[in-house]
C-alpha atoms as a PDB file:
ATOM      1  CA  MET A   1    -134.057 212.041  30.096  1.00  0.00           C
ATOM      2  CA  LYS A   2    -132.188 215.062  31.461  1.00  0.00           C
ATOM      3  CA  LYS A   3    -131.885 213.425  34.858  1.00  0.00           C
ATOM      4  CA  LEU A   4    -130.394 210.285  33.343  1.00  0.00           C
ATOM      5  CA  VAL A   5    -127.813 212.225  31.344  1.00  0.00           C
ATOM      6  CA  SER A   6    -126.834 214.356  34.326  1.00  0.00           C
ATOM      7  CA  LEU A   7    -126.569 211.273  36.552  1.00  0.00           C
ATOM      8  CA  LEU A   8    -124.315 209.535  34.022  1.00  0.00           C
ATOM      9  CA  THR A   9    -122.169 212.642  33.656  1.00  0.00           C
ATOM     10  CA  MET A  10    -121.756 213.018  37.416  1.00  0.00           C
ATOM     11  CA  SER A  11    -120.900 209.325  37.734  1.00  0.00           C
ATOM     12  CA  LEU A  12    -118.208 209.571  35.067  1.00  0.00           C
ATOM     13  CA  LEU A  13    -116.735 212.682  36.671  1.00  0.00           C
ATOM     14  CA  ALA A  14    -116.630 211.012  40.088  1.00  0.00           C
ATOM     15  CA  LEU A  15    -115.069 207.878  38.619  1.00  0.00           C
ATOM     16  CA  SER A  16    -112.351 209.865  36.849  1.00  0.00           C
ATOM     17  CA  LEU A  17    -111.597 211.789  40.049  1.00  0.00           C
ATOM     18  CA  VAL A  18    -111.229 208.551  42.003  1.00  0.00           C
ATOM     19  CA  ALA A  19    -108.979 207.108  39.300  1.00  0.00           C
ATOM     20  CA  CYS A  20    -106.707 210.174  39.388  1.00  0.00           C
ATOM     21  CA  ALA A  21    -106.510 210.106  43.171  1.00  0.00           C
ATOM     22  CA  ALA A  22    -105.640 206.410  43.213  1.00  0.00           C
ATOM     23  CA  THR A  23    -102.676 206.818  40.853  1.00  0.00           C
ATOM     24  CA  GLY A  24    -101.327 210.048  42.354  1.00  0.00           C
ATOM     25  CA  GLY A  25     -99.914 208.460  45.509  1.00  0.00           C
ATOM     26  CA  LYS A  26     -96.893 206.817  43.953  1.00  0.00           C
ATOM     27  CA  ASP A  27     -93.762 208.860  44.641  1.00  0.00           C
ATOM     28  CA  LYS A  28     -91.170 206.525  43.149  1.00  0.00           C
ATOM     29  CA  VAL A  29     -90.530 206.552  39.433  1.00  0.00           C
ATOM     30  CA  ARG A  30     -88.387 203.773  37.994  1.00  0.00           C
ATOM     31  CA  VAL A  31     -85.974 204.910  35.285  1.00  0.00           C
ATOM     32  CA  GLN A  32     -83.712 202.779  33.136  1.00  0.00           C
ATOM     33  CA  CYS A  33     -80.459 204.122  31.724  1.00  0.00           C
ATOM     34  CA  PRO A  34     -80.519 203.677  27.929  1.00  0.00           C
ATOM     35  CA  ALA A  35     -76.731 203.218  27.745  1.00  0.00           C
ATOM     36  CA  CYS A  36     -76.078 200.589  30.436  1.00  0.00           C
ATOM     37  CA  GLY A  37     -79.555 199.337  31.390  1.00  0.00           C
ATOM     38  CA  TYR A  38     -79.184 200.220  35.098  1.00  0.00           C
ATOM     39  CA  GLU A  39     -82.567 200.807  36.795  1.00  0.00           C
ATOM     40  CA  PHE A  40     -82.967 203.303  39.608  1.00  0.00           C
ATOM     41  CA  ASN A  41     -85.583 205.446  41.356  1.00  0.00           C
ATOM     42  CA  ALA A  42     -85.722 208.962  39.957  1.00  0.00           C
ATOM     43  CA  PRO A  43     -85.741 211.783  42.506  1.00  0.00           C
ATOM     44  CA  THR A  44     -89.090 213.451  43.048  1.00  0.00           C
ATOM     45  CA  PRO A  45     -89.284 217.121  42.042  1.00  0.00           C
END
């Protein structure tokens, strides 16, 4: 039972790491001005 729980835990950790790495590559952030509605790419910090 311990092996099954540890295997599931390691799988979930690996899956979350892959999910974070897949979404971290986007540099452009779209922003919309609330006053006029103009959309533009926000500068990266």
